[in-house]
Amino acid sequence: MDNIRSTKKKRASEEIKYTMKKILITGASGFVGSRIVAALQATYELITPSHAELDITSEEAAESFINRTQPDAILHLAALSNT
């Protein structure tokens, strides 16, 4: 029974890996973001905009950027620091 669960879990993981190709990562140059980028860059197409390319404080700008780039997933890791 454990072998069947393991096989199903592996197949689900592989399916996610192959269907999700493009990931938008905000805060990619930060502490956490840079490590996530390093871990995922060999497997996925990463979209890592700078603040100049994507103003996350503007709903309209964020929506427009997402519509243009069409990511399969979004990791929002941007944060205010030194405040």
N, C-alpha and C. Protein backbone atom coordinates (compact mmCIF):
# COMPACT_ATOMS: atom_id res chain seq x y z
N MET A 1 0.81 -1.19 0.00
CA MET A 1 0.00 0.00 0.00
C MET A 1 0.87 1.27 0.00
N ASP A 2 1.94 1.27 0.79
CA ASP A 2 2.83 2.43 0.82
C ASP A 2 3.48 2.67 -0.53
N ASN A 3 3.79 1.58 -1.25
CA ASN A 3 4.39 1.69 -2.56
C ASN A 3 3.44 2.37 -3.55
N ILE A 4 2.15 2.06 -3.45
CA ILE A 4 1.15 2.68 -4.33
C ILE A 4 1.05 4.17 -4.04
N ARG A 5 1.01 4.55 -2.74
CA ARG A 5 0.96 5.97 -2.36
C ARG A 5 2.19 6.71 -2.85
N SER A 6 3.34 6.08 -2.69
CA SER A 6 4.59 6.69 -3.12
C SER A 6 4.59 6.93 -4.63
N THR A 7 4.09 5.96 -5.39
CA THR A 7 4.02 6.09 -6.84
C THR A 7 3.06 7.21 -7.25
N LYS A 8 1.90 7.28 -6.60
CA LYS A 8 0.92 8.32 -6.91
C LYS A 8 1.49 9.69 -6.58
N LYS A 9 2.16 9.81 -5.43
CA LYS A 9 2.75 11.08 -5.02
C LYS A 9 3.83 11.51 -6.01
N LYS A 10 4.64 10.56 -6.47
CA LYS A 10 5.70 10.86 -7.43
C LYS A 10 5.10 11.32 -8.76
N ARG A 11 4.05 10.65 -9.21
CA ARG A 11 3.40 11.05 -10.46
C ARG A 11 2.80 12.44 -10.35
N ALA A 12 2.17 12.75 -9.23
CA ALA A 12 1.59 14.08 -9.03
C ALA A 12 2.68 15.14 -9.04
N SER A 13 3.78 14.85 -8.41
CA SER A 13 4.91 15.78 -8.38
C SER A 13 5.47 16.01 -9.78
N GLU A 14 5.60 14.94 -10.55
CA GLU A 14 6.11 15.06 -11.91
C GLU A 14 5.13 15.84 -12.79
N GLU A 15 3.83 15.62 -12.59
CA GLU A 15 2.83 16.34 -13.37
C GLU A 15 2.91 17.84 -13.11
N ILE A 16 3.04 18.22 -11.85
CA ILE A 16 3.17 19.63 -11.51
C ILE A 16 4.44 20.20 -12.14
N LYS A 17 5.52 19.48 -12.05
CA LYS A 17 6.80 19.94 -12.59
C LYS A 17 6.70 20.22 -14.08
N TYR A 18 6.00 19.37 -14.82
CA TYR A 18 5.94 19.54 -16.26
C TYR A 18 4.85 20.49 -16.73
N THR A 19 3.84 20.72 -15.93
CA THR A 19 2.79 21.64 -16.36
C THR A 19 3.09 23.07 -15.94
N MET A 20 3.80 23.26 -14.85
CA MET A 20 4.13 24.61 -14.39
C MET A 20 5.53 24.96 -14.90
N LYS A 21 5.58 25.86 -15.87
CA LYS A 21 6.85 26.16 -16.51
C LYS A 21 7.38 27.56 -16.19
N LYS A 22 6.49 28.51 -15.97
CA LYS A 22 6.90 29.90 -15.82
C LYS A 22 6.47 30.43 -14.45
N ILE A 23 7.43 30.93 -13.66
CA ILE A 23 7.14 31.42 -12.32
C ILE A 23 7.60 32.87 -12.20
N LEU A 24 6.69 33.73 -11.76
CA LEU A 24 7.00 35.12 -11.46
C LEU A 24 7.44 35.20 -10.01
N ILE A 25 8.62 35.77 -9.77
CA ILE A 25 9.13 35.91 -8.41
C ILE A 25 9.40 37.38 -8.14
N THR A 26 8.62 37.96 -7.23
CA THR A 26 8.91 39.32 -6.79
C THR A 26 9.93 39.22 -5.65
N GLY A 27 10.80 40.21 -5.55
CA GLY A 27 11.82 40.17 -4.51
C GLY A 27 12.92 39.17 -4.78
N ALA A 28 13.16 38.88 -6.05
CA ALA A 28 14.14 37.86 -6.41
C ALA A 28 15.58 38.23 -6.06
N SER A 29 15.84 39.50 -5.85
CA SER A 29 17.21 39.91 -5.49
C SER A 29 17.42 39.98 -3.98
N GLY A 30 16.36 39.71 -3.22
CA GLY A 30 16.47 39.73 -1.76
C GLY A 30 17.05 38.43 -1.21
N PHE A 31 17.12 38.37 0.12
CA PHE A 31 17.72 37.23 0.79
C PHE A 31 17.01 35.92 0.45
N VAL A 32 15.71 35.86 0.68
CA VAL A 32 14.95 34.64 0.41
C VAL A 32 14.79 34.43 -1.09
N GLY A 33 14.42 35.50 -1.81
CA GLY A 33 14.19 35.40 -3.24
C GLY A 33 15.38 34.87 -4.02
N SER A 34 16.57 35.35 -3.68
CA SER A 34 17.77 34.91 -4.41
C SER A 34 18.04 33.43 -4.21
N ARG A 35 17.71 32.92 -3.06
CA ARG A 35 17.90 31.49 -2.80
C ARG A 35 16.85 30.64 -3.53
N ILE A 36 15.64 31.16 -3.60
CA ILE A 36 14.59 30.47 -4.36
C ILE A 36 14.96 30.44 -5.84
N VAL A 37 15.46 31.56 -6.35
CA VAL A 37 15.89 31.62 -7.75
C VAL A 37 16.98 30.58 -8.00
N ALA A 38 17.96 30.51 -7.13
CA ALA A 38 19.06 29.55 -7.30
C ALA A 38 18.53 28.12 -7.32
N ALA A 39 17.52 27.84 -6.51
CA ALA A 39 16.98 26.48 -6.43
C ALA A 39 16.12 26.12 -7.64
N LEU A 40 15.46 27.11 -8.25
CA LEU A 40 14.50 26.82 -9.31
C LEU A 40 14.98 27.11 -10.73
N GLN A 41 16.07 27.86 -10.88
CA GLN A 41 16.43 28.36 -12.21
C GLN A 41 16.77 27.27 -13.22
N ALA A 42 17.20 26.13 -12.78
CA ALA A 42 17.53 25.05 -13.73
C ALA A 42 16.29 24.31 -14.21
N THR A 43 15.20 24.44 -13.48
CA THR A 43 13.99 23.66 -13.77
C THR A 43 12.88 24.47 -14.42
N TYR A 44 12.78 25.75 -14.08
CA TYR A 44 11.66 26.57 -14.53
C TYR A 44 12.14 27.83 -15.23
N GLU A 45 11.26 28.41 -16.03
CA GLU A 45 11.50 29.73 -16.59
C GLU A 45 11.08 30.72 -15.52
N LEU A 46 12.03 31.52 -15.06
CA LEU A 46 11.74 32.46 -13.99
C LEU A 46 11.63 33.88 -14.52
N ILE A 47 10.62 34.58 -14.03
CA ILE A 47 10.44 36.00 -14.34
C ILE A 47 10.78 36.72 -13.05
N THR A 48 11.85 37.51 -13.06
CA THR A 48 12.34 38.15 -11.84
C THR A 48 12.49 39.65 -12.07
N PRO A 49 11.38 40.37 -12.08
CA PRO A 49 11.44 41.80 -12.39
C PRO A 49 12.07 42.62 -11.26
N SER A 50 12.77 43.67 -11.67
CA SER A 50 13.27 44.63 -10.69
C SER A 50 12.13 45.56 -10.30
N HIS A 51 12.37 46.40 -9.29
CA HIS A 51 11.34 47.35 -8.88
C HIS A 51 10.99 48.30 -10.03
N ALA A 52 11.99 48.65 -10.84
CA ALA A 52 11.75 49.55 -11.98
C ALA A 52 10.85 48.88 -13.03
N GLU A 53 10.94 47.56 -13.14
CA GLU A 53 10.13 46.83 -14.12
C GLU A 53 8.73 46.52 -13.61
N LEU A 54 8.56 46.41 -12.29
CA LEU A 54 7.26 46.08 -11.71
C LEU A 54 7.10 46.79 -10.38
N ASP A 55 6.18 47.77 -10.35
CA ASP A 55 5.86 48.47 -9.11
C ASP A 55 4.75 47.68 -8.41
N ILE A 56 5.11 46.90 -7.41
CA ILE A 56 4.12 46.04 -6.76
C ILE A 56 3.15 46.83 -5.89
N THR A 57 3.41 48.11 -5.70
CA THR A 57 2.47 48.93 -4.92
C THR A 57 1.32 49.44 -5.78
N SER A 58 1.41 49.22 -7.08
CA SER A 58 0.35 49.65 -8.00
C SER A 58 -0.41 48.43 -8.51
N GLU A 59 -1.67 48.34 -8.13
CA GLU A 59 -2.50 47.21 -8.57
C GLU A 59 -2.58 47.15 -10.09
N GLU A 60 -2.73 48.29 -10.72
CA GLU A 60 -2.84 48.32 -12.18
C GLU A 60 -1.54 47.85 -12.84
N ALA A 61 -0.41 48.32 -12.32
CA ALA A 61 0.89 47.91 -12.88
C ALA A 61 1.11 46.41 -12.70
N ALA A 62 0.76 45.90 -11.53
CA ALA A 62 0.93 44.47 -11.27
C ALA A 62 0.04 43.63 -12.18
N GLU A 63 -1.21 44.05 -12.31
CA GLU A 63 -2.14 43.31 -13.17
C GLU A 63 -1.67 43.33 -14.63
N SER A 64 -1.21 44.47 -15.09
CA SER A 64 -0.72 44.59 -16.46
C SER A 64 0.51 43.69 -16.68
N PHE A 65 1.43 43.69 -15.73
CA PHE A 65 2.64 42.88 -15.84
C PHE A 65 2.29 41.39 -15.88
N ILE A 66 1.38 40.98 -15.01
CA ILE A 66 0.96 39.58 -14.97
C ILE A 66 0.27 39.18 -16.26
N ASN A 67 -0.58 40.05 -16.78
CA ASN A 67 -1.27 39.75 -18.05
C ASN A 67 -0.28 39.63 -19.21
N ARG A 68 0.76 40.46 -19.20
CA ARG A 68 1.76 40.41 -20.28
C ARG A 68 2.64 39.18 -20.19
N THR A 69 3.05 38.80 -18.99
CA THR A 69 4.01 37.71 -18.84
C THR A 69 3.37 36.34 -18.68
N GLN A 70 2.10 36.29 -18.26
CA GLN A 70 1.34 35.03 -18.14
C GLN A 70 2.08 33.95 -17.34
N PRO A 71 2.45 34.23 -16.09
CA PRO A 71 3.13 33.19 -15.30
C PRO A 71 2.15 32.09 -14.90
N ASP A 72 2.68 30.89 -14.69
CA ASP A 72 1.88 29.77 -14.20
C ASP A 72 1.73 29.84 -12.68
N ALA A 73 2.68 30.50 -12.02
CA ALA A 73 2.64 30.65 -10.57
C ALA A 73 3.33 31.96 -10.20
N ILE A 74 2.98 32.48 -9.03
CA ILE A 74 3.59 33.72 -8.53
C ILE A 74 4.08 33.47 -7.12
N LEU A 75 5.35 33.80 -6.88
CA LEU A 75 5.91 33.79 -5.54
C LEU A 75 6.17 35.25 -5.16
N HIS A 76 5.38 35.77 -4.25
CA HIS A 76 5.52 37.17 -3.86
C HIS A 76 6.41 37.23 -2.63
N LEU A 77 7.69 37.55 -2.86
CA LEU A 77 8.68 37.56 -1.80
C LEU A 77 9.25 38.94 -1.52
N ALA A 78 8.74 39.94 -2.22
CA ALA A 78 9.21 41.31 -2.03
C ALA A 78 8.80 41.79 -0.64
N ALA A 79 9.66 42.57 -0.02
CA ALA A 79 9.38 43.11 1.31
C ALA A 79 10.06 44.45 1.49
N LEU A 80 9.53 45.25 2.37
CA LEU A 80 10.19 46.50 2.75
C LEU A 80 11.25 46.16 3.78
N SER A 81 12.43 46.70 3.58
CA SER A 81 13.49 46.45 4.57
C SER A 81 14.11 47.80 4.98
N ASN A 82 14.82 47.79 6.05
CA ASN A 82 15.46 49.01 6.57
C ASN A 82 14.44 50.11 6.83
N THR A 83 13.31 49.74 7.41
CA THR A 83 12.30 50.76 7.71
C THR A 83 12.25 51.06 9.18
